[in-house]
Amino acid sequence: MMEFYERIKQVIATCAGGNQSAFVKKIGESISTFNGYLSPAGQDRIKAKTIRQILVTFDVDANWLLLGAGPMFREVGTKTLPGADPIAQRVDQVARTMREAGVDEMKILAAARDVLEGEMAKLAKARGGYSVCEPAPDEQAKAAEDPAEYSGRQAAAGDDTV
């Protein structure tokens, strides 16, 4: 069975892309203290406050982190939580479904980004604007402007062939 400190390393890899500094910053711990926890002997010294921050910040399941039992992440279930943001629920559902199917974490993140970009496009159109994928009229490419402005060949610096 995976040891506690190995599960901590797995959380860092999964939730912070392996970036230990970013992970430690998010849980409010010093890097030197945290490095001490990443050894078999150090797991006995980890503070309850640090464990709580890992659980809350990254939505890690306490049984998995402490005992190695069950799934890595807490399962909220498919019920809609009162007051839960609908966009966050859609992203969560996509991520959970893909994770259950064994999809790579990078593909899950790309899918979450696609969900958010879709939501941004819907909101922009509802407000009468342009979506993220459509340029606003004032951002049209120069090629769409009057071609007469660009009719003559112009010399580049150092070009004496014109």
N, C-alpha and C. Protein backbone atom coordinates (compact mmCIF):
# COMPACT_ATOMS: atom_id res chain seq x y z
N MET A 1 0.84 -1.19 0.00
CA MET A 1 0.00 0.00 0.00
C MET A 1 0.89 1.25 0.00
N MET A 2 0.42 2.29 -0.66
CA MET A 2 1.16 3.54 -0.75
C MET A 2 1.24 4.20 0.63
N GLU A 3 2.42 4.67 0.97
CA GLU A 3 2.62 5.35 2.24
C GLU A 3 2.04 6.76 2.20
N PHE A 4 1.82 7.33 3.39
CA PHE A 4 1.25 8.66 3.51
C PHE A 4 2.05 9.69 2.72
N TYR A 5 3.36 9.71 2.90
CA TYR A 5 4.18 10.72 2.21
C TYR A 5 4.14 10.53 0.69
N GLU A 6 3.94 9.30 0.22
CA GLU A 6 3.80 9.05 -1.21
C GLU A 6 2.46 9.61 -1.72
N ARG A 7 1.42 9.53 -0.88
CA ARG A 7 0.13 10.10 -1.26
C ARG A 7 0.23 11.62 -1.33
N ILE A 8 0.99 12.23 -0.42
CA ILE A 8 1.21 13.68 -0.47
C ILE A 8 1.88 14.03 -1.79
N LYS A 9 2.89 13.27 -2.18
CA LYS A 9 3.59 13.52 -3.45
C LYS A 9 2.64 13.38 -4.63
N GLN A 10 1.71 12.44 -4.53
CA GLN A 10 0.74 12.25 -5.61
C GLN A 10 -0.21 13.45 -5.70
N VAL A 11 -0.58 14.00 -4.55
CA VAL A 11 -1.44 15.20 -4.55
C VAL A 11 -0.69 16.35 -5.22
N ILE A 12 0.59 16.51 -4.91
CA ILE A 12 1.39 17.57 -5.53
C ILE A 12 1.44 17.38 -7.04
N ALA A 13 1.67 16.16 -7.47
CA ALA A 13 1.75 15.87 -8.91
C ALA A 13 0.42 16.13 -9.60
N THR A 14 -0.67 15.72 -8.98
CA THR A 14 -1.99 15.82 -9.61
C THR A 14 -2.57 17.23 -9.53
N CYS A 15 -2.45 17.86 -8.38
CA CYS A 15 -3.13 19.14 -8.15
C CYS A 15 -2.27 20.36 -8.45
N ALA A 16 -0.97 20.19 -8.49
CA ALA A 16 -0.09 21.34 -8.73
C ALA A 16 0.88 21.05 -9.87
N GLY A 17 0.57 20.05 -10.68
CA GLY A 17 1.42 19.72 -11.81
C GLY A 17 2.85 19.39 -11.43
N GLY A 18 3.03 18.91 -10.20
CA GLY A 18 4.37 18.57 -9.73
C GLY A 18 5.14 19.76 -9.18
N ASN A 19 4.55 20.95 -9.21
CA ASN A 19 5.23 22.16 -8.73
C ASN A 19 5.05 22.27 -7.22
N GLN A 20 6.06 21.79 -6.50
CA GLN A 20 5.98 21.75 -5.04
C GLN A 20 5.88 23.15 -4.44
N SER A 21 6.58 24.12 -5.01
CA SER A 21 6.54 25.49 -4.48
C SER A 21 5.13 26.07 -4.56
N ALA A 22 4.47 25.87 -5.71
CA ALA A 22 3.11 26.37 -5.87
C ALA A 22 2.16 25.67 -4.90
N PHE A 23 2.34 24.37 -4.74
CA PHE A 23 1.51 23.59 -3.83
C PHE A 23 1.64 24.11 -2.40
N VAL A 24 2.89 24.27 -1.95
CA VAL A 24 3.17 24.71 -0.58
C VAL A 24 2.62 26.11 -0.35
N LYS A 25 2.74 26.96 -1.35
CA LYS A 25 2.22 28.33 -1.23
C LYS A 25 0.70 28.32 -1.04
N LYS A 26 0.01 27.45 -1.79
CA LYS A 26 -1.45 27.38 -1.69
C LYS A 26 -1.93 26.90 -0.33
N ILE A 27 -1.14 26.06 0.34
CA ILE A 27 -1.59 25.57 1.64
C ILE A 27 -1.01 26.40 2.78
N GLY A 28 -0.21 27.42 2.47
CA GLY A 28 0.29 28.34 3.48
C GLY A 28 1.36 27.76 4.39
N GLU A 29 2.20 26.92 3.85
CA GLU A 29 3.27 26.27 4.63
C GLU A 29 4.61 26.74 4.09
N SER A 30 5.65 26.68 4.91
CA SER A 30 6.98 27.04 4.42
C SER A 30 7.57 25.83 3.69
N ILE A 31 8.36 26.10 2.67
CA ILE A 31 8.92 25.02 1.85
C ILE A 31 9.85 24.13 2.67
N SER A 32 10.63 24.73 3.56
CA SER A 32 11.57 23.92 4.35
C SER A 32 10.83 22.99 5.31
N THR A 33 9.79 23.49 5.95
CA THR A 33 9.00 22.65 6.85
C THR A 33 8.31 21.54 6.06
N PHE A 34 7.75 21.92 4.92
CA PHE A 34 7.02 20.94 4.13
C PHE A 34 7.95 19.84 3.60
N ASN A 35 9.16 20.22 3.22
CA ASN A 35 10.12 19.21 2.73
C ASN A 35 10.36 18.14 3.79
N GLY A 36 10.31 18.52 5.05
CA GLY A 36 10.48 17.55 6.12
C GLY A 36 9.37 16.51 6.18
N TYR A 37 8.19 16.88 5.67
CA TYR A 37 7.06 15.96 5.69
C TYR A 37 7.16 14.89 4.59
N LEU A 38 8.00 15.14 3.60
CA LEU A 38 8.06 14.26 2.45
C LEU A 38 9.03 13.10 2.63
N SER A 39 9.21 12.67 3.83
CA SER A 39 10.05 11.50 4.11
C SER A 39 9.25 10.58 5.02
N PRO A 40 9.62 9.31 5.06
CA PRO A 40 8.89 8.39 5.94
C PRO A 40 8.88 8.85 7.39
N ALA A 41 9.99 9.42 7.87
CA ALA A 41 10.04 9.89 9.25
C ALA A 41 9.24 11.18 9.45
N GLY A 42 9.16 12.01 8.41
CA GLY A 42 8.50 13.30 8.53
C GLY A 42 6.99 13.23 8.60
N GLN A 43 6.42 12.13 8.12
CA GLN A 43 4.96 12.05 8.11
C GLN A 43 4.38 12.07 9.52
N ASP A 44 5.17 11.71 10.51
CA ASP A 44 4.69 11.74 11.89
C ASP A 44 4.69 13.15 12.47
N ARG A 45 5.35 14.09 11.78
CA ARG A 45 5.46 15.46 12.31
C ARG A 45 4.51 16.45 11.63
N ILE A 46 3.79 16.02 10.62
CA ILE A 46 2.93 16.94 9.89
C ILE A 46 1.82 17.45 10.79
N LYS A 47 1.56 18.74 10.71
CA LYS A 47 0.56 19.37 11.57
C LYS A 47 -0.85 19.08 11.05
N ALA A 48 -1.79 18.99 11.97
CA ALA A 48 -3.19 18.79 11.60
C ALA A 48 -3.67 19.94 10.72
N LYS A 49 -3.19 21.15 11.01
CA LYS A 49 -3.56 22.33 10.22
C LYS A 49 -3.13 22.16 8.76
N THR A 50 -1.95 21.60 8.54
CA THR A 50 -1.45 21.39 7.19
C THR A 50 -2.27 20.34 6.47
N ILE A 51 -2.60 19.26 7.16
CA ILE A 51 -3.44 18.22 6.56
C ILE A 51 -4.80 18.80 6.18
N ARG A 52 -5.37 19.58 7.08
CA ARG A 52 -6.68 20.20 6.82
C ARG A 52 -6.60 21.09 5.58
N GLN A 53 -5.53 21.89 5.44
CA GLN A 53 -5.38 22.77 4.29
C GLN A 53 -5.30 21.98 2.99
N ILE A 54 -4.60 20.85 3.01
CA ILE A 54 -4.51 20.01 1.81
C ILE A 54 -5.89 19.49 1.45
N LEU A 55 -6.62 19.01 2.45
CA LEU A 55 -7.96 18.45 2.22
C LEU A 55 -8.90 19.50 1.64
N VAL A 56 -8.90 20.68 2.24
CA VAL A 56 -9.84 21.73 1.85
C VAL A 56 -9.42 22.39 0.53
N THR A 57 -8.15 22.73 0.40
CA THR A 57 -7.68 23.44 -0.78
C THR A 57 -7.82 22.63 -2.05
N PHE A 58 -7.52 21.34 -1.97
CA PHE A 58 -7.51 20.52 -3.18
C PHE A 58 -8.65 19.50 -3.23
N ASP A 59 -9.58 19.59 -2.28
CA ASP A 59 -10.76 18.72 -2.26
C ASP A 59 -10.37 17.23 -2.21
N VAL A 60 -9.28 16.96 -1.49
CA VAL A 60 -8.79 15.59 -1.34
C VAL A 60 -9.61 14.86 -0.28
N ASP A 61 -9.88 13.59 -0.51
CA ASP A 61 -10.63 12.78 0.44
C ASP A 61 -9.75 12.43 1.64
N ALA A 62 -10.22 12.69 2.84
CA ALA A 62 -9.44 12.45 4.06
C ALA A 62 -9.10 10.98 4.24
N ASN A 63 -10.04 10.09 3.94
CA ASN A 63 -9.75 8.65 4.06
C ASN A 63 -8.62 8.22 3.14
N TRP A 64 -8.61 8.77 1.94
CA TRP A 64 -7.54 8.42 1.01
C TRP A 64 -6.20 8.97 1.49
N LEU A 65 -6.18 10.25 1.88
CA LEU A 65 -4.92 10.86 2.29
C LEU A 65 -4.34 10.20 3.53
N LEU A 66 -5.16 9.98 4.52
CA LEU A 66 -4.67 9.46 5.80
C LEU A 66 -4.53 7.94 5.83
N LEU A 67 -5.45 7.24 5.18
CA LEU A 67 -5.48 5.78 5.28
C LEU A 67 -5.20 5.05 3.97
N GLY A 68 -5.25 5.77 2.87
CA GLY A 68 -5.06 5.12 1.58
C GLY A 68 -6.29 4.40 1.09
N ALA A 69 -7.45 4.72 1.65
CA ALA A 69 -8.70 4.03 1.30
C ALA A 69 -9.61 4.94 0.48
N GLY A 70 -10.22 4.38 -0.55
CA GLY A 70 -11.19 5.13 -1.34
C GLY A 70 -10.53 5.97 -2.42
N PRO A 71 -11.33 6.86 -3.04
CA PRO A 71 -10.83 7.69 -4.12
C PRO A 71 -9.97 8.84 -3.58
N MET A 72 -9.12 9.36 -4.45
CA MET A 72 -8.24 10.47 -4.06
C MET A 72 -9.03 11.75 -3.74
N PHE A 73 -10.07 12.01 -4.50
CA PHE A 73 -10.82 13.24 -4.32
C PHE A 73 -12.18 12.96 -3.70
N ARG A 74 -12.65 13.95 -2.93
CA ARG A 74 -13.97 13.83 -2.31
C ARG A 74 -15.01 13.77 -3.41
N GLU A 75 -16.00 12.94 -3.20
CA GLU A 75 -17.09 12.83 -4.16
C GLU A 75 -18.28 13.60 -3.59
N VAL A 76 -18.64 14.66 -4.27
CA VAL A 76 -19.77 15.46 -3.82
C VAL A 76 -21.06 14.79 -4.22
N GLY A 77 -21.02 13.96 -5.22
CA GLY A 77 -22.23 13.31 -5.71
C GLY A 77 -22.81 14.08 -6.87
N THR A 78 -23.86 13.56 -7.42
CA THR A 78 -24.46 14.21 -8.57
C THR A 78 -25.57 15.17 -8.18
N LYS A 79 -25.88 15.24 -6.91
CA LYS A 79 -26.92 16.18 -6.47
C LYS A 79 -26.41 17.61 -6.59
N THR A 80 -27.31 18.51 -6.90
CA THR A 80 -26.97 19.92 -6.94
C THR A 80 -26.95 20.44 -5.51
N LEU A 81 -25.84 21.05 -5.16
CA LEU A 81 -25.73 21.61 -3.82
C LEU A 81 -26.42 22.97 -3.79
N PRO A 82 -27.18 23.26 -2.73
CA PRO A 82 -27.85 24.56 -2.66
C PRO A 82 -26.81 25.68 -2.70
N GLY A 83 -27.04 26.63 -3.60
CA GLY A 83 -26.14 27.77 -3.70
C GLY A 83 -24.88 27.51 -4.50
N ALA A 84 -24.69 26.29 -4.99
CA ALA A 84 -23.49 25.98 -5.77
C ALA A 84 -23.59 26.67 -7.13
N ASP A 85 -22.47 27.18 -7.59
CA ASP A 85 -22.43 27.88 -8.86
C ASP A 85 -22.67 26.91 -10.01
N PRO A 86 -23.59 27.24 -10.93
CA PRO A 86 -23.90 26.32 -12.02
C PRO A 86 -22.71 26.08 -12.96
N ILE A 87 -21.90 27.08 -13.18
CA ILE A 87 -20.73 26.91 -14.05
C ILE A 87 -19.75 25.95 -13.38
N ALA A 88 -19.50 26.14 -12.11
CA ALA A 88 -18.60 25.24 -11.38
C ALA A 88 -19.14 23.82 -11.39
N GLN A 89 -20.46 23.66 -11.31
CA GLN A 89 -21.06 22.33 -11.35
C GLN A 89 -20.81 21.66 -12.70
N ARG A 90 -20.92 22.44 -13.80
CA ARG A 90 -20.68 21.86 -15.13
C ARG A 90 -19.22 21.43 -15.28
N VAL A 91 -18.30 22.28 -14.84
CA VAL A 91 -16.88 21.93 -14.91
C VAL A 91 -16.60 20.70 -14.06
N ASP A 92 -17.18 20.67 -12.86
CA ASP A 92 -16.99 19.53 -11.96
C ASP A 92 -17.51 18.24 -12.58
N GLN A 93 -18.67 18.31 -13.20
CA GLN A 93 -19.26 17.11 -13.81
C GLN A 93 -18.39 16.59 -14.95
N VAL A 94 -17.88 17.50 -15.78
CA VAL A 94 -17.00 17.08 -16.88
C VAL A 94 -15.74 16.44 -16.33
N ALA A 95 -15.12 17.10 -15.35
CA ALA A 95 -13.88 16.58 -14.78
C ALA A 95 -14.10 15.23 -14.11
N ARG A 96 -15.17 15.10 -13.35
CA ARG A 96 -15.44 13.85 -12.65
C ARG A 96 -15.69 12.70 -13.62
N THR A 97 -16.48 12.97 -14.65
CA THR A 97 -16.78 11.94 -15.63
C THR A 97 -15.50 11.49 -16.35
N MET A 98 -14.68 12.46 -16.74
CA MET A 98 -13.44 12.12 -17.45
C MET A 98 -12.47 11.39 -16.53
N ARG A 99 -12.39 11.81 -15.28
CA ARG A 99 -11.49 11.17 -14.32
C ARG A 99 -11.91 9.71 -14.10
N GLU A 100 -13.21 9.47 -13.97
CA GLU A 100 -13.73 8.11 -13.79
C GLU A 100 -13.41 7.23 -14.99
N ALA A 101 -13.32 7.86 -16.17
CA ALA A 101 -13.02 7.11 -17.39
C ALA A 101 -11.51 6.90 -17.56
N GLY A 102 -10.72 7.46 -16.65
CA GLY A 102 -9.28 7.28 -16.70
C GLY A 102 -8.57 8.20 -17.68
N VAL A 103 -9.19 9.34 -18.00
CA VAL A 103 -8.60 10.28 -18.95
C VAL A 103 -7.44 11.02 -18.28
N ASP A 104 -6.41 11.32 -19.07
CA ASP A 104 -5.23 12.05 -18.60
C ASP A 104 -5.61 13.42 -18.04
N GLU A 105 -4.92 13.84 -16.99
CA GLU A 105 -5.22 15.11 -16.30
C GLU A 105 -5.14 16.32 -17.24
N MET A 106 -4.18 16.34 -18.16
CA MET A 106 -4.06 17.46 -19.10
C MET A 106 -5.30 17.55 -19.99
N LYS A 107 -5.84 16.41 -20.41
CA LYS A 107 -7.04 16.42 -21.24
C LYS A 107 -8.25 16.88 -20.43
N ILE A 108 -8.27 16.53 -19.16
CA ILE A 108 -9.36 16.99 -18.28
C ILE A 108 -9.31 18.50 -18.16
N LEU A 109 -8.11 19.05 -17.95
CA LEU A 109 -7.96 20.50 -17.83
C LEU A 109 -8.34 21.20 -19.13
N ALA A 110 -7.96 20.62 -20.27
CA ALA A 110 -8.33 21.20 -21.56
C ALA A 110 -9.85 21.21 -21.73
N ALA A 111 -10.51 20.14 -21.31
CA ALA A 111 -11.97 20.08 -21.40
C ALA A 111 -12.61 21.11 -20.48
N ALA A 112 -12.06 21.30 -19.29
CA ALA A 112 -12.58 22.31 -18.36
C ALA A 112 -12.42 23.70 -18.98
N ARG A 113 -11.28 23.94 -19.62
CA ARG A 113 -11.06 25.23 -20.30
C ARG A 113 -12.11 25.43 -21.40
N ASP A 114 -12.40 24.36 -22.17
CA ASP A 114 -13.39 24.45 -23.23
C ASP A 114 -14.77 24.78 -22.68
N VAL A 115 -15.11 24.19 -21.55
CA VAL A 115 -16.41 24.49 -20.91
C VAL A 115 -16.46 25.97 -20.55
N LEU A 116 -15.40 26.48 -19.94
CA LEU A 116 -15.37 27.89 -19.54
C LEU A 116 -15.41 28.83 -20.74
N GLU A 117 -14.67 28.49 -21.80
CA GLU A 117 -14.70 29.33 -23.00
C GLU A 117 -16.09 29.33 -23.62
N GLY A 118 -16.77 28.19 -23.59
CA GLY A 118 -18.14 28.13 -24.09
C GLY A 118 -19.07 29.01 -23.28
N GLU A 119 -18.90 29.00 -21.97
CA GLU A 119 -19.72 29.85 -21.10
C GLU A 119 -19.44 31.33 -21.37
N MET A 120 -18.17 31.66 -21.60
CA MET A 120 -17.80 33.04 -21.89
C MET A 120 -18.42 33.50 -23.21
N ALA A 121 -18.41 32.62 -24.21
CA ALA A 121 -18.99 32.95 -25.51
C ALA A 121 -20.49 33.18 -25.39
N LYS A 122 -21.18 32.31 -24.64
CA LYS A 122 -22.63 32.48 -24.46
C LYS A 122 -22.94 33.80 -23.77
N LEU A 123 -22.18 34.14 -22.75
CA LEU A 123 -22.41 35.38 -22.02
C LEU A 123 -22.14 36.59 -22.90
N ALA A 124 -21.05 36.54 -23.66
CA ALA A 124 -20.71 37.67 -24.53
C ALA A 124 -21.81 37.89 -25.57
N LYS A 125 -22.30 36.81 -26.17
CA LYS A 125 -23.37 36.94 -27.17
C LYS A 125 -24.66 37.45 -26.54
N ALA A 126 -24.96 36.98 -25.34
CA ALA A 126 -26.17 37.43 -24.65
C ALA A 126 -26.10 38.92 -24.34
N ARG A 127 -24.91 39.42 -24.14
CA ARG A 127 -24.73 40.85 -23.87
C ARG A 127 -24.61 41.67 -25.15
N GLY A 128 -24.74 41.00 -26.30
CA GLY A 128 -24.67 41.72 -27.57
C GLY A 128 -23.26 41.93 -28.06
N GLY A 129 -22.32 41.33 -27.42
CA GLY A 129 -20.92 41.48 -27.82
C GLY A 129 -20.48 40.35 -28.70
N TYR A 130 -19.22 40.18 -28.75
CA TYR A 130 -18.63 39.14 -29.57
C TYR A 130 -18.04 38.08 -28.66
N SER A 131 -18.02 36.86 -29.15
CA SER A 131 -17.47 35.78 -28.34
C SER A 131 -15.95 35.83 -28.40
N VAL A 132 -15.31 35.01 -27.61
CA VAL A 132 -13.87 34.98 -27.54
C VAL A 132 -13.27 34.58 -28.89
N CYS A 133 -14.01 33.83 -29.69
CA CYS A 133 -13.49 33.32 -30.96
C CYS A 133 -13.74 34.27 -32.12
N GLU A 134 -14.58 35.28 -31.94
CA GLU A 134 -14.90 36.20 -33.02
C GLU A 134 -14.28 37.55 -32.73
N PRO A 135 -13.53 38.11 -33.69
CA PRO A 135 -12.96 39.44 -33.45
C PRO A 135 -14.04 40.51 -33.51
N ALA A 136 -13.90 41.51 -32.69
CA ALA A 136 -14.81 42.64 -32.75
C ALA A 136 -14.54 43.38 -34.06
N PRO A 137 -15.52 44.14 -34.59
CA PRO A 137 -15.35 44.81 -35.88
C PRO A 137 -14.09 45.68 -35.94
N ASP A 138 -13.71 46.34 -34.85
CA ASP A 138 -12.53 47.19 -34.88
C ASP A 138 -11.23 46.40 -34.83
N GLU A 139 -11.31 45.10 -34.71
CA GLU A 139 -10.12 44.26 -34.66
C GLU A 139 -9.95 43.46 -35.94
N GLN A 140 -10.64 43.86 -37.02
CA GLN A 140 -10.55 43.16 -38.29
C GLN A 140 -9.11 43.20 -38.80
N ALA A 141 -8.73 42.20 -39.55
CA ALA A 141 -7.39 42.13 -40.10
C ALA A 141 -7.19 43.23 -41.13
N LYS A 142 -5.95 43.70 -41.29
CA LYS A 142 -5.63 44.75 -42.26
C LYS A 142 -6.01 44.34 -43.67
N ALA A 143 -5.96 43.07 -43.97
CA ALA A 143 -6.29 42.58 -45.31
C ALA A 143 -7.73 42.90 -45.69
N ALA A 144 -8.60 43.07 -44.72
CA ALA A 144 -10.00 43.36 -45.00
C ALA A 144 -10.22 44.84 -45.29
N GLU A 145 -9.20 45.66 -45.08
CA GLU A 145 -9.33 47.09 -45.35
C GLU A 145 -9.19 47.36 -46.84
N ASP A 146 -9.25 48.61 -47.23
CA ASP A 146 -9.16 49.00 -48.63
C ASP A 146 -7.80 48.60 -49.20
N PRO A 147 -7.78 47.72 -50.21
CA PRO A 147 -6.51 47.25 -50.76
C PRO A 147 -5.72 48.34 -51.48
N ALA A 148 -6.37 49.46 -51.86
CA ALA A 148 -5.68 50.53 -52.55
C ALA A 148 -4.56 51.13 -51.69
N GLU A 149 -4.74 51.10 -50.39
CA GLU A 149 -3.72 51.65 -49.49
C GLU A 149 -2.42 50.88 -49.57
N TYR A 150 -2.47 49.62 -50.03
CA TYR A 150 -1.31 48.75 -50.02
C TYR A 150 -0.88 48.37 -51.43
N SER A 151 -1.26 49.18 -52.45
CA SER A 151 -1.06 48.77 -53.83
C SER A 151 0.39 48.76 -54.29
N GLY A 152 1.21 49.67 -53.84
CA GLY A 152 2.57 49.73 -54.34
C GLY A 152 3.54 48.93 -53.50
N ARG A 153 4.59 48.42 -54.18
CA ARG A 153 5.62 47.69 -53.44
C ARG A 153 6.48 48.71 -52.73
N GLN A 154 6.76 48.46 -51.49
CA GLN A 154 7.60 49.39 -50.73
C GLN A 154 8.91 48.71 -50.39
N ALA A 155 9.96 49.49 -50.38
CA ALA A 155 11.29 48.95 -50.11
C ALA A 155 11.47 48.70 -48.62
N ALA A 156 12.07 47.59 -48.33
CA ALA A 156 12.43 47.30 -46.96
C ALA A 156 13.76 47.99 -46.66
N ALA A 157 14.09 48.14 -45.42
CA ALA A 157 15.36 48.76 -45.05
C ALA A 157 16.50 48.01 -45.71
N GLY A 158 17.34 48.74 -46.44
CA GLY A 158 18.49 48.12 -47.10
C GLY A 158 18.16 47.53 -48.46
N ASP A 159 16.89 47.62 -48.91
CA ASP A 159 16.48 47.05 -50.18
C ASP A 159 16.56 48.13 -51.25
N ASP A 160 17.46 47.99 -52.23
CA ASP A 160 17.60 49.00 -53.27
C ASP A 160 17.10 48.48 -54.63
N THR A 161 16.26 47.44 -54.61
CA THR A 161 15.76 46.85 -55.85
C THR A 161 14.49 47.52 -56.35
N VAL A 162 13.90 48.40 -55.60
CA VAL A 162 12.63 49.02 -55.99
C VAL A 162 12.85 50.13 -56.97
